[in-house]
Amino acid sequence: PQFCMVFASQSKPIKTVTEATIKRGEYFGVIDPAPAYSKELAYSVLKYFEDRRELAEKIGLGCIMPMHGVVVSGDCLMSAFSCLERMETDAICNIFKKFI
């Protein structure tokens, strides 16, 4: 997701700005930075989703992994893809809103 990577590269959250994503909270959050493929990265992702377990059990959820990209969840693959698409849409909206 190229527009989400703008936020991942800067370790910035993606503010939720569409009706489809606002129910997920004010923003798609950012986990603590950690090296790729490390246990620290895995535990940071796990903590993010565990802290939001109640929400994650109802709808797809995602977060920013600084300098790496994004990770999403869902009750099925389609739900996870839907969450990723919505994250990408909000990333685009946040970037391009400065031009209107």
PDB file of N, CA and C in Angstrom:
ATOM      1  N   PRO A   1       0.834  -1.208   0.000  1.00  0.00           N
ATOM      2  CA  PRO A   1       0.000   0.000   0.000  1.00  0.00           C
ATOM      3  C   PRO A   1       0.870   1.259   0.000  1.00  0.00           C
ATOM      4  N   GLN A   2       1.053   1.829  -1.165  1.00  0.00           N
ATOM      5  CA  GLN A   2       2.022   2.906  -1.322  1.00  0.00           C
ATOM      6  C   GLN A   2       1.725   4.151  -0.485  1.00  0.00           C
ATOM      7  N   PHE A   3       0.481   4.512  -0.298  1.00  0.00           N
ATOM      8  CA  PHE A   3       0.192   5.719   0.466  1.00  0.00           C
ATOM      9  C   PHE A   3       0.324   5.484   1.966  1.00  0.00           C
ATOM     10  N   CYS A   4       0.031   4.287   2.434  1.00  0.00           N
ATOM     11  CA  CYS A   4       0.278   3.949   3.848  1.00  0.00           C
ATOM     12  C   CYS A   4       1.768   4.011   4.156  1.00  0.00           C
ATOM     13  N   MET A   5       2.596   3.680   3.161  1.00  0.00           N
ATOM     14  CA  MET A   5       4.049   3.692   3.379  1.00  0.00           C
ATOM     15  C   MET A   5       4.577   5.088   3.676  1.00  0.00           C
ATOM     16  N   VAL A   6       3.900   6.117   3.195  1.00  0.00           N
ATOM     17  CA  VAL A   6       4.296   7.489   3.539  1.00  0.00           C
ATOM     18  C   VAL A   6       4.232   7.659   5.049  1.00  0.00           C
ATOM     19  N   PHE A   7       3.175   7.166   5.660  1.00  0.00           N
ATOM     20  CA  PHE A   7       3.001   7.269   7.108  1.00  0.00           C
ATOM     21  C   PHE A   7       3.955   6.334   7.840  1.00  0.00           C
ATOM     22  N   ALA A   8       4.142   5.134   7.318  1.00  0.00           N
ATOM     23  CA  ALA A   8       5.059   4.177   7.955  1.00  0.00           C
ATOM     24  C   ALA A   8       6.486   4.711   7.951  1.00  0.00           C
ATOM     25  N   SER A   9       6.896   5.343   6.861  1.00  0.00           N
ATOM     26  CA  SER A   9       8.263   5.857   6.773  1.00  0.00           C
ATOM     27  C   SER A   9       8.513   7.002   7.746  1.00  0.00           C
ATOM     28  N   GLN A  10       7.440   7.677   8.149  1.00  0.00           N
ATOM     29  CA  GLN A  10       7.564   8.802   9.078  1.00  0.00           C
ATOM     30  C   GLN A  10       7.085   8.456  10.486  1.00  0.00           C
ATOM     31  N   SER A  11       6.703   7.209  10.703  1.00  0.00           N
ATOM     32  CA  SER A  11       6.187   6.742  12.007  1.00  0.00           C
ATOM     33  C   SER A  11       5.006   7.588  12.483  1.00  0.00           C
ATOM     34  N   LYS A  12       4.100   7.878  11.568  1.00  0.00           N
ATOM     35  CA  LYS A  12       2.934   8.713  11.867  1.00  0.00           C
ATOM     36  C   LYS A  12       1.647   7.897  11.771  1.00  0.00           C
ATOM     37  N   PRO A  13       0.689   8.157  12.658  1.00  0.00           N
ATOM     38  CA  PRO A  13      -0.606   7.473  12.561  1.00  0.00           C
ATOM     39  C   PRO A  13      -1.412   8.010  11.378  1.00  0.00           C
ATOM     40  N   ILE A  14      -2.340   7.216  10.909  1.00  0.00           N
ATOM     41  CA  ILE A  14      -3.250   7.636   9.840  1.00  0.00           C
ATOM     42  C   ILE A  14      -4.575   8.005  10.493  1.00  0.00           C
ATOM     43  N   LYS A  15      -4.924   9.279  10.427  1.00  0.00           N
ATOM     44  CA  LYS A  15      -6.195   9.733  10.999  1.00  0.00           C
ATOM     45  C   LYS A  15      -7.343   9.130  10.202  1.00  0.00           C
ATOM     46  N   THR A  16      -8.334   8.617  10.917  1.00  0.00           N
ATOM     47  CA  THR A  16      -9.511   8.076  10.236  1.00  0.00           C
ATOM     48  C   THR A  16     -10.405   9.241   9.820  1.00  0.00           C
ATOM     49  N   VAL A  17     -10.747   9.281   8.537  1.00  0.00           N
ATOM     50  CA  VAL A  17     -11.499  10.423   8.019  1.00  0.00           C
ATOM     51  C   VAL A  17     -12.731  10.021   7.220  1.00  0.00           C
ATOM     52  N   THR A  18     -12.951   8.747   7.030  1.00  0.00           N
ATOM     53  CA  THR A  18     -14.133   8.301   6.293  1.00  0.00           C
ATOM     54  C   THR A  18     -15.082   7.573   7.239  1.00  0.00           C
ATOM     55  N   GLU A  19     -16.349   7.548   6.866  1.00  0.00           N
ATOM     56  CA  GLU A  19     -17.352   6.897   7.716  1.00  0.00           C
ATOM     57  C   GLU A  19     -16.992   5.432   7.983  1.00  0.00           C
ATOM     58  N   ALA A  20     -16.407   4.793   6.998  1.00  0.00           N
ATOM     59  CA  ALA A  20     -16.070   3.374   7.131  1.00  0.00           C
ATOM     60  C   ALA A  20     -14.960   3.109   8.145  1.00  0.00           C
ATOM     61  N   THR A  21     -14.145   4.116   8.440  1.00  0.00           N
ATOM     62  CA  THR A  21     -13.009   3.880   9.348  1.00  0.00           C
ATOM     63  C   THR A  21     -13.147   4.547  10.706  1.00  0.00           C
ATOM     64  N   ILE A  22     -13.991   5.532  10.823  1.00  0.00           N
ATOM     65  CA  ILE A  22     -14.123   6.250  12.097  1.00  0.00           C
ATOM     66  C   ILE A  22     -14.517   5.306  13.230  1.00  0.00           C
ATOM     67  N   LYS A  23     -15.290   4.266  12.914  1.00  0.00           N
ATOM     68  CA  LYS A  23     -15.689   3.303  13.956  1.00  0.00           C
ATOM     69  C   LYS A  23     -14.501   2.519  14.508  1.00  0.00           C
ATOM     70  N   ARG A  24     -13.358   2.582  13.831  1.00  0.00           N
ATOM     71  CA  ARG A  24     -12.151   1.894  14.295  1.00  0.00           C
ATOM     72  C   ARG A  24     -11.351   2.745  15.279  1.00  0.00           C
ATOM     73  N   GLY A  25     -11.803   3.956  15.511  1.00  0.00           N
ATOM     74  CA  GLY A  25     -11.095   4.857  16.411  1.00  0.00           C
ATOM     75  C   GLY A  25     -10.687   6.120  15.686  1.00  0.00           C
ATOM     76  N   GLU A  26      -9.996   6.987  16.382  1.00  0.00           N
ATOM     77  CA  GLU A  26      -9.591   8.277  15.820  1.00  0.00           C
ATOM     78  C   GLU A  26      -8.511   8.133  14.749  1.00  0.00           C
ATOM     79  N   TYR A  27      -7.728   7.089  14.846  1.00  0.00           N
ATOM     80  CA  TYR A  27      -6.631   6.885  13.898  1.00  0.00           C
ATOM     81  C   TYR A  27      -6.219   5.419  13.876  1.00  0.00           C
ATOM     82  N   PHE A  28      -5.509   5.050  12.819  1.00  0.00           N
ATOM     83  CA  PHE A  28      -4.807   3.770  12.784  1.00  0.00           C
ATOM     84  C   PHE A  28      -3.475   4.049  13.466  1.00  0.00           C
ATOM     85  N   GLY A  29      -3.231   3.388  14.576  1.00  0.00           N
ATOM     86  CA  GLY A  29      -2.087   3.706  15.415  1.00  0.00           C
ATOM     87  C   GLY A  29      -0.751   3.217  14.887  1.00  0.00           C
ATOM     88  N   VAL A  30       0.280   3.616  15.612  1.00  0.00           N
ATOM     89  CA  VAL A  30       1.662   3.266  15.293  1.00  0.00           C
ATOM     90  C   VAL A  30       2.225   2.448  16.452  1.00  0.00           C
ATOM     91  N   ILE A  31       2.822   1.315  16.142  1.00  0.00           N
ATOM     92  CA  ILE A  31       3.449   0.516  17.193  1.00  0.00           C
ATOM     93  C   ILE A  31       4.866   1.029  17.444  1.00  0.00           C
ATOM     94  N   ASP A  32       5.505   0.507  18.475  1.00  0.00           N
ATOM     95  CA  ASP A  32       6.889   0.883  18.764  1.00  0.00           C
ATOM     96  C   ASP A  32       7.809   0.379  17.656  1.00  0.00           C
ATOM     97  N   PRO A  33       8.829   1.164  17.308  1.00  0.00           N
ATOM     98  CA  PRO A  33       9.780   0.725  16.285  1.00  0.00           C
ATOM     99  C   PRO A  33      10.541  -0.520  16.751  1.00  0.00           C
ATOM    100  N   ALA A  34      10.846  -1.391  15.805  1.00  0.00           N
ATOM    101  CA  ALA A  34      11.611  -2.605  16.100  1.00  0.00           C
ATOM    102  C   ALA A  34      12.218  -3.127  14.801  1.00  0.00           C
ATOM    103  N   PRO A  35      13.323  -3.857  14.908  1.00  0.00           N
ATOM    104  CA  PRO A  35      13.947  -4.415  13.702  1.00  0.00           C
ATOM    105  C   PRO A  35      13.027  -5.415  12.992  1.00  0.00           C
ATOM    106  N   ALA A  36      13.163  -5.488  11.680  1.00  0.00           N
ATOM    107  CA  ALA A  36      12.370  -6.432  10.891  1.00  0.00           C
ATOM    108  C   ALA A  36      12.607  -7.860  11.362  1.00  0.00           C
ATOM    109  N   TYR A  37      11.552  -8.642  11.371  1.00  0.00           N
ATOM    110  CA  TYR A  37      11.585 -10.074  11.711  1.00  0.00           C
ATOM    111  C   TYR A  37      12.011 -10.362  13.149  1.00  0.00           C
ATOM    112  N   SER A  38      12.001  -9.347  13.994  1.00  0.00           N
ATOM    113  CA  SER A  38      12.452  -9.539  15.381  1.00  0.00           C
ATOM    114  C   SER A  38      11.290  -9.929  16.289  1.00  0.00           C
ATOM    115  N   LYS A  39      11.642 -10.516  17.429  1.00  0.00           N
ATOM    116  CA  LYS A  39      10.629 -10.827  18.437  1.00  0.00           C
ATOM    117  C   LYS A  39       9.995  -9.545  18.953  1.00  0.00           C
ATOM    118  N   GLU A  40      10.797  -8.482  19.052  1.00  0.00           N
ATOM    119  CA  GLU A  40      10.277  -7.197  19.532  1.00  0.00           C
ATOM    120  C   GLU A  40       9.162  -6.693  18.617  1.00  0.00           C
ATOM    121  N   LEU A  41       9.369  -6.828  17.327  1.00  0.00           N
ATOM    122  CA  LEU A  41       8.343  -6.397  16.374  1.00  0.00           C
ATOM    123  C   LEU A  41       7.083  -7.249  16.530  1.00  0.00           C
ATOM    124  N   ALA A  42       7.269  -8.541  16.646  1.00  0.00           N
ATOM    125  CA  ALA A  42       6.125  -9.445  16.811  1.00  0.00           C
ATOM    126  C   ALA A  42       5.350  -9.120  18.083  1.00  0.00           C
ATOM    127  N   TYR A  43       6.053  -8.905  19.180  1.00  0.00           N
ATOM    128  CA  TYR A  43       5.383  -8.600  20.445  1.00  0.00           C
ATOM    129  C   TYR A  43       4.693  -7.242  20.405  1.00  0.00           C
ATOM    130  N   SER A  44       5.287  -6.286  19.707  1.00  0.00           N
ATOM    131  CA  SER A  44       4.675  -4.963  19.598  1.00  0.00           C
ATOM    132  C   SER A  44       3.361  -5.040  18.811  1.00  0.00           C
ATOM    133  N   VAL A  45       3.360  -5.814  17.734  1.00  0.00           N
ATOM    134  CA  VAL A  45       2.133  -6.010  16.950  1.00  0.00           C
ATOM    135  C   VAL A  45       1.087  -6.729  17.798  1.00  0.00           C
ATOM    136  N   LEU A  46       1.508  -7.781  18.476  1.00  0.00           N
ATOM    137  CA  LEU A  46       0.593  -8.542  19.329  1.00  0.00           C
ATOM    138  C   LEU A  46      -0.028  -7.651  20.398  1.00  0.00           C
ATOM    139  N   LYS A  47       0.781  -6.814  21.039  1.00  0.00           N
ATOM    140  CA  LYS A  47       0.285  -5.915  22.085  1.00  0.00           C
ATOM    141  C   LYS A  47      -0.750  -4.943  21.514  1.00  0.00           C
ATOM    142  N   TYR A  48      -0.482  -4.399  20.332  1.00  0.00           N
ATOM    143  CA  TYR A  48      -1.418  -3.464  19.713  1.00  0.00           C
ATOM    144  C   TYR A  48      -2.799  -4.105  19.562  1.00  0.00           C
ATOM    145  N   PHE A  49      -2.818  -5.318  19.028  1.00  0.00           N
ATOM    146  CA  PHE A  49      -4.100  -5.984  18.801  1.00  0.00           C
ATOM    147  C   PHE A  49      -4.722  -6.492  20.095  1.00  0.00           C
ATOM    148  N   GLU A  50      -3.919  -6.941  21.036  1.00  0.00           N
ATOM    149  CA  GLU A  50      -4.472  -7.375  22.325  1.00  0.00           C
ATOM    150  C   GLU A  50      -5.110  -6.213  23.071  1.00  0.00           C
ATOM    151  N   ASP A  51      -4.484  -5.035  23.002  1.00  0.00           N
ATOM    152  CA  ASP A  51      -5.043  -3.849  23.658  1.00  0.00           C
ATOM    153  C   ASP A  51      -6.372  -3.426  23.036  1.00  0.00           C
ATOM    154  N   ARG A  52      -6.632  -3.878  21.820  1.00  0.00           N
ATOM    155  CA  ARG A  52      -7.862  -3.520  21.102  1.00  0.00           C
ATOM    156  C   ARG A  52      -8.674  -4.768  20.765  1.00  0.00           C
ATOM    157  N   ARG A  53      -8.520  -5.792  21.566  1.00  0.00           N
ATOM    158  CA  ARG A  53      -9.137  -7.098  21.290  1.00  0.00           C
ATOM    159  C   ARG A  53     -10.641  -6.995  21.040  1.00  0.00           C
ATOM    160  N   GLU A  54     -11.335  -6.267  21.892  1.00  0.00           N
ATOM    161  CA  GLU A  54     -12.791  -6.171  21.764  1.00  0.00           C
ATOM    162  C   GLU A  54     -13.186  -5.624  20.396  1.00  0.00           C
ATOM    163  N   LEU A  55     -12.497  -4.585  19.954  1.00  0.00           N
ATOM    164  CA  LEU A  55     -12.771  -3.997  18.645  1.00  0.00           C
ATOM    165  C   LEU A  55     -12.324  -4.941  17.526  1.00  0.00           C
ATOM    166  N   ALA A  56     -11.147  -5.534  17.679  1.00  0.00           N
ATOM    167  CA  ALA A  56     -10.598  -6.418  16.647  1.00  0.00           C
ATOM    168  C   ALA A  56     -11.457  -7.659  16.428  1.00  0.00           C
ATOM    169  N   GLU A  57     -12.201  -8.069  17.437  1.00  0.00           N
ATOM    170  CA  GLU A  57     -13.073  -9.233  17.278  1.00  0.00           C
ATOM    171  C   GLU A  57     -14.341  -8.898  16.496  1.00  0.00           C
ATOM    172  N   LYS A  58     -14.642  -7.608  16.355  1.00  0.00           N
ATOM    173  CA  LYS A  58     -15.854  -7.178  15.655  1.00  0.00           C
ATOM    174  C   LYS A  58     -15.588  -6.766  14.209  1.00  0.00           C
ATOM    175  N   ILE A  59     -14.482  -6.059  13.985  1.00  0.00           N
ATOM    176  CA  ILE A  59     -14.186  -5.520  12.655  1.00  0.00           C
ATOM    177  C   ILE A  59     -12.695  -5.662  12.369  1.00  0.00           C
ATOM    178  N   GLY A  60     -12.339  -5.530  11.097  1.00  0.00           N
ATOM    179  CA  GLY A  60     -10.930  -5.527  10.724  1.00  0.00           C
ATOM    180  C   GLY A  60     -10.214  -4.351  11.367  1.00  0.00           C
ATOM    181  N   LEU A  61      -8.962  -4.555  11.694  1.00  0.00           N
ATOM    182  CA  LEU A  61      -8.183  -3.532  12.386  1.00  0.00           C
ATOM    183  C   LEU A  61      -6.769  -3.536  11.830  1.00  0.00           C
ATOM    184  N   GLY A  62      -6.124  -2.383  11.829  1.00  0.00           N
ATOM    185  CA  GLY A  62      -4.766  -2.300  11.316  1.00  0.00           C
ATOM    186  C   GLY A  62      -3.925  -1.308  12.077  1.00  0.00           C
ATOM    187  N   CYS A  63      -2.607  -1.408  11.880  1.00  0.00           N
ATOM    188  CA  CYS A  63      -1.689  -0.456  12.507  1.00  0.00           C
ATOM    189  C   CYS A  63      -0.461  -0.259  11.624  1.00  0.00           C
ATOM    190  N   ILE A  64       0.254   0.799  11.934  1.00  0.00           N
ATOM    191  CA  ILE A  64       1.483   1.161  11.232  1.00  0.00           C
ATOM    192  C   ILE A  64       2.670   0.521  11.948  1.00  0.00           C
ATOM    193  N   MET A  65       3.551  -0.108  11.181  1.00  0.00           N
ATOM    194  CA  MET A  65       4.819  -0.606  11.711  1.00  0.00           C
ATOM    195  C   MET A  65       5.908   0.335  11.194  1.00  0.00           C
ATOM    196  N   PRO A  66       6.456   1.192  12.063  1.00  0.00           N
ATOM    197  CA  PRO A  66       7.423   2.191  11.617  1.00  0.00           C
ATOM    198  C   PRO A  66       8.550   1.600  10.770  1.00  0.00           C
ATOM    199  N   MET A  67       8.785   2.215   9.640  1.00  0.00           N
ATOM    200  CA  MET A  67       9.839   1.860   8.696  1.00  0.00           C
ATOM    201  C   MET A  67       9.610   0.518   7.992  1.00  0.00           C
ATOM    202  N   HIS A  68       8.473  -0.134   8.242  1.00  0.00           N
ATOM    203  CA  HIS A  68       8.201  -1.437   7.632  1.00  0.00           C
ATOM    204  C   HIS A  68       6.963  -1.413   6.749  1.00  0.00           C
ATOM    205  N   GLY A  69       5.857  -0.895   7.251  1.00  0.00           N
ATOM    206  CA  GLY A  69       4.601  -0.930   6.519  1.00  0.00           C
ATOM    207  C   GLY A  69       3.423  -1.015   7.458  1.00  0.00           C
ATOM    208  N   VAL A  70       2.444  -1.805   7.092  1.00  0.00           N
ATOM    209  CA  VAL A  70       1.241  -1.942   7.904  1.00  0.00           C
ATOM    210  C   VAL A  70       0.961  -3.416   8.146  1.00  0.00           C
ATOM    211  N   VAL A  71       0.153  -3.672   9.167  1.00  0.00           N
ATOM    212  CA  VAL A  71      -0.355  -5.017   9.420  1.00  0.00           C
ATOM    213  C   VAL A  71      -1.839  -4.876   9.723  1.00  0.00           C
ATOM    214  N   VAL A  72      -2.634  -5.784   9.174  1.00  0.00           N
ATOM    215  CA  VAL A  72      -4.083  -5.738   9.366  1.00  0.00           C
ATOM    216  C   VAL A  72      -4.591  -7.094   9.836  1.00  0.00           C
ATOM    217  N   SER A  73      -5.780  -7.061  10.426  1.00  0.00           N
ATOM    218  CA  SER A  73      -6.426  -8.300  10.865  1.00  0.00           C
ATOM    219  C   SER A  73      -7.878  -8.273  10.422  1.00  0.00           C
ATOM    220  N   GLY A  74      -8.501  -9.415  10.496  1.00  0.00           N
ATOM    221  CA  GLY A  74      -9.917  -9.531  10.199  1.00  0.00           C
ATOM    222  C   GLY A  74     -10.378 -10.930  10.532  1.00  0.00           C
ATOM    223  N   ASP A  75     -11.683 -11.125  10.580  1.00  0.00           N
ATOM    224  CA  ASP A  75     -12.192 -12.461  10.896  1.00  0.00           C
ATOM    225  C   ASP A  75     -12.077 -13.407   9.704  1.00  0.00           C
ATOM    226  N   CYS A  76     -11.747 -12.863   8.542  1.00  0.00           N
ATOM    227  CA  CYS A  76     -11.463 -13.665   7.353  1.00  0.00           C
ATOM    228  C   CYS A  76     -10.535 -12.834   6.464  1.00  0.00           C
ATOM    229  N   LEU A  77     -10.007 -13.442   5.438  1.00  0.00           N
ATOM    230  CA  LEU A  77      -9.078 -12.741   4.561  1.00  0.00           C
ATOM    231  C   LEU A  77      -9.731 -11.535   3.894  1.00  0.00           C
ATOM    232  N   MET A  78     -10.982 -11.664   3.495  1.00  0.00           N
ATOM    233  CA  MET A  78     -11.693 -10.556   2.851  1.00  0.00           C
ATOM    234  C   MET A  78     -11.820  -9.361   3.790  1.00  0.00           C
ATOM    235  N   SER A  79     -12.087  -9.618   5.052  1.00  0.00           N
ATOM    236  CA  SER A  79     -12.195  -8.556   6.048  1.00  0.00           C
ATOM    237  C   SER A  79     -10.852  -7.851   6.236  1.00  0.00           C
ATOM    238  N   ALA A  80      -9.777  -8.613   6.251  1.00  0.00           N
ATOM    239  CA  ALA A  80      -8.444  -8.014   6.388  1.00  0.00           C
ATOM    240  C   ALA A  80      -8.109  -7.163   5.163  1.00  0.00           C
ATOM    241  N   PHE A  81      -8.415  -7.672   3.956  1.00  0.00           N
ATOM    242  CA  PHE A  81      -8.181  -6.890   2.741  1.00  0.00           C
ATOM    243  C   PHE A  81      -9.026  -5.622   2.742  1.00  0.00           C
ATOM    244  N   SER A  82     -10.252  -5.721   3.207  1.00  0.00           N
ATOM    245  CA  SER A  82     -11.130  -4.559   3.291  1.00  0.00           C
ATOM    246  C   SER A  82     -10.536  -3.505   4.218  1.00  0.00           C
ATOM    247  N   CYS A  83     -10.017  -3.948   5.353  1.00  0.00           N
ATOM    248  CA  CYS A  83      -9.389  -3.019   6.295  1.00  0.00           C
ATOM    249  C   CYS A  83      -8.187  -2.337   5.648  1.00  0.00           C
ATOM    250  N   LEU A  84      -7.373  -3.106   4.941  1.00  0.00           N
ATOM    251  CA  LEU A  84      -6.205  -2.533   4.274  1.00  0.00           C
ATOM    252  C   LEU A  84      -6.622  -1.498   3.237  1.00  0.00           C
ATOM    253  N   GLU A  85      -7.647  -1.814   2.458  1.00  0.00           N
ATOM    254  CA  GLU A  85      -8.135  -0.875   1.451  1.00  0.00           C
ATOM    255  C   GLU A  85      -8.636   0.414   2.105  1.00  0.00           C
ATOM    256  N   ARG A  86      -9.323   0.289   3.218  1.00  0.00           N
ATOM    257  CA  ARG A  86      -9.841   1.465   3.920  1.00  0.00           C
ATOM    258  C   ARG A  86      -8.702   2.283   4.540  1.00  0.00           C
ATOM    259  N   MET A  87      -7.686   1.593   5.048  1.00  0.00           N
ATOM    260  CA  MET A  87      -6.503   2.302   5.563  1.00  0.00           C
ATOM    261  C   MET A  87      -5.839   3.108   4.452  1.00  0.00           C
ATOM    262  N   GLU A  88      -5.675   2.465   3.306  1.00  0.00           N
ATOM    263  CA  GLU A  88      -5.046   3.120   2.163  1.00  0.00           C
ATOM    264  C   GLU A  88      -5.868   4.323   1.710  1.00  0.00           C
ATOM    265  N   THR A  89      -7.189   4.192   1.690  1.00  0.00           N
ATOM    266  CA  THR A  89      -8.060   5.308   1.314  1.00  0.00           C
ATOM    267  C   THR A  89      -7.898   6.471   2.280  1.00  0.00           C
ATOM    268  N   ASP A  90      -7.860   6.188   3.576  1.00  0.00           N
ATOM    269  CA  ASP A  90      -7.678   7.264   4.554  1.00  0.00           C
ATOM    270  C   ASP A  90      -6.291   7.889   4.436  1.00  0.00           C
ATOM    271  N   ALA A  91      -5.288   7.090   4.119  1.00  0.00           N
ATOM    272  CA  ALA A  91      -3.946   7.641   3.909  1.00  0.00           C
ATOM    273  C   ALA A  91      -3.965   8.617   2.736  1.00  0.00           C
ATOM    274  N   ILE A  92      -4.611   8.220   1.643  1.00  0.00           N
ATOM    275  CA  ILE A  92      -4.726   9.089   0.471  1.00  0.00           C
ATOM    276  C   ILE A  92      -5.456  10.378   0.837  1.00  0.00           C
ATOM    277  N   CYS A  93      -6.574  10.257   1.537  1.00  0.00           N
ATOM    278  CA  CYS A  93      -7.354  11.440   1.934  1.00  0.00           C
ATOM    279  C   CYS A  93      -6.525  12.382   2.801  1.00  0.00           C
ATOM    280  N   ASN A  94      -5.766  11.834   3.737  1.00  0.00           N
ATOM    281  CA  ASN A  94      -4.939  12.666   4.610  1.00  0.00           C
ATOM    282  C   ASN A  94      -3.844  13.395   3.835  1.00  0.00           C
ATOM    283  N   ILE A  95      -3.258  12.729   2.863  1.00  0.00           N
ATOM    284  CA  ILE A  95      -2.185  13.347   2.077  1.00  0.00           C
ATOM    285  C   ILE A  95      -2.742  14.422   1.152  1.00  0.00           C
ATOM    286  N   PHE A  96      -3.806  14.097   0.417  1.00  0.00           N
ATOM    287  CA  PHE A  96      -4.316  15.014  -0.601  1.00  0.00           C
ATOM    288  C   PHE A  96      -5.212  16.120  -0.065  1.00  0.00           C
ATOM    289  N   LYS A  97      -5.663  16.034   1.178  1.00  0.00           N
ATOM    290  CA  LYS A  97      -6.531  17.088   1.711  1.00  0.00           C
ATOM    291  C   LYS A  97      -5.814  18.433   1.745  1.00  0.00           C
ATOM    292  N   LYS A  98      -4.508  18.403   1.753  1.00  0.00           N
ATOM    293  CA  LYS A  98      -3.727  19.642   1.790  1.00  0.00           C
ATOM    294  C   LYS A  98      -3.809  20.414   0.477  1.00  0.00           C
ATOM    295  N   PHE A  99      -4.305  19.762  -0.565  1.00  0.00           N
ATOM    296  CA  PHE A  99      -4.356  20.391  -1.881  1.00  0.00           C
ATOM    297  C   PHE A  99      -5.722  20.974  -2.228  1.00  0.00           C
ATOM    298  N   ILE A 100      -6.687  20.889  -1.289  1.00  0.00           N
ATOM    299  CA  ILE A 100      -8.004  21.449  -1.613  1.00  0.00           C
ATOM    300  C   ILE A 100      -8.316  22.636  -0.717  1.00  0.00           C
TER     301      ILE A 100
END
